[in-house]
Amino acid sequence: MNETRSAVWFRWRGVVKILLLAALLVLLNYLARDALEALDFKIRPSNEDAVHRTIMVSAALYALLLAVPFVPGAEIGIAMMVMLGPSIAVLVYLCTVAGLSLSFAVGRLIPIRILVTTARDFRLEQTARLLESIEPLNRNQRLDLFISLSSKRFLPLLLRYRYLALAVALNLPGNYLVGGGGGIALIAGVSRVYSTPGFLLTILVAVLPVPLAVLIFGSGFLAN
């Protein structure tokens, strides 16, 4: 009887995890929407303190939501620059770097064993075996293995120029389909083929164009 119950639980464990993850993402998306609505305010001398607090809370929330895959945290940063203009661009830039760095760090800290178990819960046996095979390898060995397993011609090229590919992916329209900036950074951390200094340097450059454009040209072009 106990073995039967264990088998049933193992069969449904992946479904339960998917449902819990979906519920969490829905909750965080509602939180992002509320944060966007909170930015719709009028700046007056009588409410300067409240405005300052709202900006600081929104900036911190933006960094945290940006770190979560499939949560549109970037829209908060865009809304802040549209409403507050160049004066907020540097803060948005720093929060963007912080959010992506947080997601990357979480990915680096996730034990491979947990990923193997999760893959098996979702019946991804081939992925689980691949994760088991890369667990004892260092960065260069993992990179060589990924290149050797790539069946498509362009994948080895992307892996060799992975920092450039990362920068492009972070700025690619529609990257929300692969988890957005947070999801991309998380995958980069999980893969262990990106060095921490290399990742930081890449995102410092990759996320600069929009805040820099707002500083130079103002936020008018974002609202159009």
Protein backbone atom coordinates (compact mmCIF):
# COMPACT_ATOMS: atom_id res chain seq x y z
CA MET A 1 0.00 0.00 0.00
CA ASN A 2 2.81 2.42 0.94
CA GLU A 3 4.63 1.66 -2.32
CA THR A 4 1.45 2.32 -4.28
CA ARG A 5 0.94 5.65 -2.55
CA SER A 6 4.57 6.59 -3.19
CA ALA A 7 4.20 5.75 -6.85
CA VAL A 8 1.03 7.83 -7.13
CA TRP A 9 2.68 10.77 -5.37
CA PHE A 10 5.73 10.55 -7.64
CA ARG A 11 3.43 10.51 -10.67
CA TRP A 12 1.57 13.63 -9.52
CA ARG A 13 4.50 15.50 -7.96
CA GLY A 14 5.41 17.20 -11.23
CA VAL A 15 1.80 18.32 -11.76
CA VAL A 16 1.66 19.77 -8.25
CA LYS A 17 4.91 21.67 -8.83
CA ILE A 18 3.62 23.08 -12.11
CA LEU A 19 0.39 24.25 -10.48
CA LEU A 20 2.24 25.88 -7.57
CA LEU A 21 4.66 27.57 -9.97
CA ALA A 22 1.80 28.81 -12.14
CA ALA A 23 -0.01 30.20 -9.08
CA LEU A 24 3.16 32.00 -7.96
CA LEU A 25 3.69 33.53 -11.41
CA VAL A 26 0.07 34.72 -11.56
CA LEU A 27 0.46 36.31 -8.12
CA LEU A 28 3.68 38.06 -9.12
CA ASN A 29 2.12 39.30 -12.37
CA TYR A 30 -0.70 40.86 -10.32
CA LEU A 31 1.94 42.43 -8.09
CA ALA A 32 3.68 43.89 -11.14
CA ARG A 33 0.37 45.29 -12.38
CA ASP A 34 -0.30 46.91 -9.00
CA ALA A 35 3.19 48.42 -9.03
CA LEU A 36 2.50 49.94 -12.45
CA GLU A 37 -0.77 51.40 -11.21
CA ALA A 38 0.99 52.88 -8.17
CA LEU A 39 3.21 54.88 -10.52
CA ASP A 40 0.20 56.75 -11.87
CA PHE A 41 0.39 59.78 -9.59
CA LYS A 42 0.62 63.55 -9.78
CA ILE A 43 3.70 65.25 -8.34
CA ARG A 44 2.80 68.21 -6.12
CA PRO A 45 4.70 70.04 -3.36
CA SER A 46 2.29 68.60 -0.81
CA ASN A 47 3.06 64.96 -1.66
CA GLU A 48 6.82 65.01 -2.29
CA ASP A 49 7.59 62.63 0.59
CA ALA A 50 4.95 60.14 -0.56
CA VAL A 51 6.25 60.37 -4.13
CA HIS A 52 9.82 59.72 -2.96
CA ARG A 53 8.72 56.64 -0.99
CA THR A 54 6.70 55.36 -3.93
CA ILE A 55 9.67 55.72 -6.24
CA MET A 56 12.04 53.90 -3.85
CA VAL A 57 9.56 51.06 -3.22
CA SER A 58 8.81 50.77 -6.94
CA ALA A 59 12.53 50.66 -7.76
CA ALA A 60 13.17 47.88 -5.24
CA LEU A 61 10.10 45.97 -6.44
CA TYR A 62 11.23 46.43 -10.03
CA ALA A 63 14.62 44.84 -9.30
CA LEU A 64 13.00 41.88 -7.51
CA LEU A 65 10.31 41.27 -10.14
CA LEU A 66 12.83 41.58 -12.96
CA ALA A 67 14.76 38.69 -11.39
CA VAL A 68 11.74 36.38 -11.67
CA PRO A 69 11.23 34.54 -14.99
CA PHE A 70 7.99 35.21 -16.89
CA VAL A 71 7.12 38.27 -14.78
CA PRO A 72 7.02 41.55 -16.78
CA GLY A 73 9.25 43.50 -14.42
CA ALA A 74 10.80 45.50 -17.27
CA GLU A 75 7.50 47.32 -17.80
CA ILE A 76 7.88 48.90 -14.34
CA GLY A 77 11.27 50.32 -15.29
CA ILE A 78 9.90 51.67 -18.58
CA ALA A 79 6.89 53.20 -16.79
CA MET A 80 9.18 54.89 -14.25
CA MET A 81 11.24 56.48 -17.02
CA VAL A 82 8.15 57.51 -19.00
CA MET A 83 6.56 59.20 -15.97
CA LEU A 84 9.64 60.63 -14.25
CA GLY A 85 11.97 61.22 -17.19
CA PRO A 86 15.77 61.39 -17.25
CA SER A 87 16.03 61.99 -13.49
CA ILE A 88 15.14 58.36 -12.82
CA ALA A 89 17.14 56.73 -15.65
CA VAL A 90 20.27 56.03 -13.59
CA LEU A 91 18.24 54.43 -10.78
CA VAL A 92 16.36 52.24 -13.28
CA TYR A 93 19.67 51.22 -14.86
CA LEU A 94 21.17 50.22 -11.50
CA CYS A 95 18.03 48.32 -10.51
CA THR A 96 18.06 46.48 -13.85
CA VAL A 97 21.65 45.38 -13.27
CA ALA A 98 20.78 44.37 -9.69
CA GLY A 99 17.72 42.34 -10.73
CA LEU A 100 19.53 40.43 -13.48
CA SER A 101 22.52 39.83 -11.19
CA LEU A 102 20.20 38.43 -8.52
CA SER A 103 18.63 36.02 -10.98
CA PHE A 104 22.07 34.91 -12.23
CA ALA A 105 23.28 34.37 -8.66
CA VAL A 106 20.23 32.26 -7.82
CA GLY A 107 20.89 30.15 -10.91
CA ARG A 108 24.51 29.63 -9.89
CA LEU A 109 23.47 28.57 -6.38
CA ILE A 110 20.80 26.04 -7.40
CA PRO A 111 22.30 22.56 -6.86
CA ILE A 112 22.37 20.42 -10.00
CA ARG A 113 20.82 17.59 -7.98
CA ILE A 114 17.65 19.63 -7.45
CA LEU A 115 17.45 20.29 -11.19
CA VAL A 116 17.83 16.57 -11.89
CA THR A 117 14.99 15.73 -9.51
CA THR A 118 12.78 18.44 -11.03
CA ALA A 119 13.48 17.21 -14.55
CA ARG A 120 12.49 13.69 -13.54
CA ASP A 121 9.31 15.01 -11.90
CA PHE A 122 8.39 16.50 -15.29
CA ARG A 123 9.31 13.25 -17.08
CA LEU A 124 12.30 14.90 -18.78
CA GLU A 125 14.57 11.89 -18.45
CA GLN A 126 16.98 12.96 -21.21
CA THR A 127 17.43 16.36 -19.58
CA ALA A 128 17.97 14.69 -16.20
CA ARG A 129 20.71 12.48 -17.65
CA LEU A 130 22.38 15.49 -19.28
CA LEU A 131 22.34 17.38 -15.98
CA GLU A 132 23.85 14.37 -14.20
CA SER A 133 26.62 14.19 -16.80
CA ILE A 134 27.60 17.86 -16.46
CA GLU A 135 27.49 17.99 -12.66
CA PRO A 136 31.15 17.02 -12.08
CA LEU A 137 32.50 19.10 -15.00
CA ASN A 138 34.16 22.49 -14.83
CA ARG A 139 33.12 25.46 -17.01
CA ASN A 140 35.33 24.64 -20.00
CA GLN A 141 34.42 20.96 -19.91
CA ARG A 142 30.71 21.81 -19.82
CA LEU A 143 31.10 24.20 -22.71
CA ASP A 144 32.92 21.56 -24.77
CA LEU A 145 30.20 19.03 -23.95
CA PHE A 146 27.39 21.41 -24.97
CA ILE A 147 29.17 22.17 -28.24
CA SER A 148 29.69 18.48 -28.98
CA LEU A 149 26.02 17.73 -28.32
CA SER A 150 24.72 20.58 -30.48
CA SER A 151 23.02 19.15 -33.55
CA LYS A 152 22.40 22.50 -35.25
CA ARG A 153 25.21 24.47 -36.86
CA PHE A 154 24.42 27.82 -35.27
CA LEU A 155 24.33 26.50 -31.68
CA PRO A 156 28.11 25.95 -31.38
CA LEU A 157 28.57 29.49 -32.72
CA LEU A 158 26.20 30.87 -30.08
CA LEU A 159 28.02 28.96 -27.37
CA ARG A 160 31.43 30.23 -28.48
CA TYR A 161 30.14 33.80 -28.57
CA ARG A 162 27.85 33.27 -25.60
CA TYR A 163 28.40 36.69 -24.02
CA LEU A 164 27.40 38.45 -27.23
CA ALA A 165 24.44 36.08 -27.57
CA LEU A 166 23.42 36.91 -23.99
CA ALA A 167 23.52 40.66 -24.69
CA VAL A 168 21.40 40.20 -27.82
CA ALA A 169 18.90 37.95 -26.03
CA LEU A 170 18.40 40.47 -23.23
CA ASN A 171 17.49 43.15 -25.78
CA LEU A 172 15.53 40.95 -28.16
CA PRO A 173 11.84 41.87 -28.55
CA GLY A 174 9.64 39.00 -27.39
CA ASN A 175 12.21 37.50 -25.03
CA TYR A 176 9.32 37.21 -22.56
CA LEU A 177 8.55 33.90 -24.34
CA VAL A 178 11.76 32.44 -22.90
CA GLY A 179 11.31 33.97 -19.47
CA GLY A 180 12.32 37.58 -20.08
CA GLY A 181 15.51 39.05 -18.67
CA GLY A 182 15.13 37.20 -15.38
CA GLY A 183 14.67 33.85 -17.09
CA ILE A 184 17.62 34.41 -19.42
CA ALA A 185 19.86 35.42 -16.52
CA LEU A 186 18.68 32.44 -14.47
CA ILE A 187 19.47 30.01 -17.30
CA ALA A 188 22.88 31.64 -17.73
CA GLY A 189 23.57 31.01 -14.05
CA VAL A 190 22.27 27.45 -14.09
CA SER A 191 24.40 26.57 -17.13
CA ARG A 192 27.62 27.49 -15.26
CA VAL A 193 29.28 28.39 -18.59
CA TYR A 194 29.32 32.13 -17.81
CA SER A 195 31.88 33.58 -15.41
CA THR A 196 30.53 36.04 -12.86
CA PRO A 197 32.77 38.94 -14.02
CA GLY A 198 31.93 38.19 -17.65
CA PHE A 199 28.20 38.13 -16.94
CA LEU A 200 28.32 41.39 -14.97
CA LEU A 201 30.31 43.17 -17.67
CA THR A 202 27.89 41.91 -20.32
CA ILE A 203 24.75 43.13 -18.58
CA LEU A 204 26.36 46.46 -17.64
CA VAL A 205 26.72 47.11 -21.37
CA ALA A 206 23.61 45.27 -22.60
CA VAL A 207 21.05 47.15 -20.49
CA LEU A 208 22.65 50.57 -20.93
CA PRO A 209 21.15 51.75 -24.27
CA VAL A 210 17.59 52.60 -23.13
CA PRO A 211 18.49 54.44 -19.89
CA LEU A 212 21.29 56.25 -21.72
CA ALA A 213 18.90 57.27 -24.51
CA VAL A 214 16.47 58.60 -21.90
CA LEU A 215 19.27 60.62 -20.31
CA ILE A 216 20.27 62.11 -23.66
CA PHE A 217 16.97 62.48 -25.51
CA GLY A 218 14.38 62.43 -22.73
CA SER A 219 11.61 59.87 -22.23
CA GLY A 220 9.33 61.09 -25.03
CA PHE A 221 10.37 58.33 -27.42
CA LEU A 222 9.36 55.65 -24.89
CA ALA A 223 5.81 56.95 -24.71
CA ASN A 224 5.31 56.82 -28.48
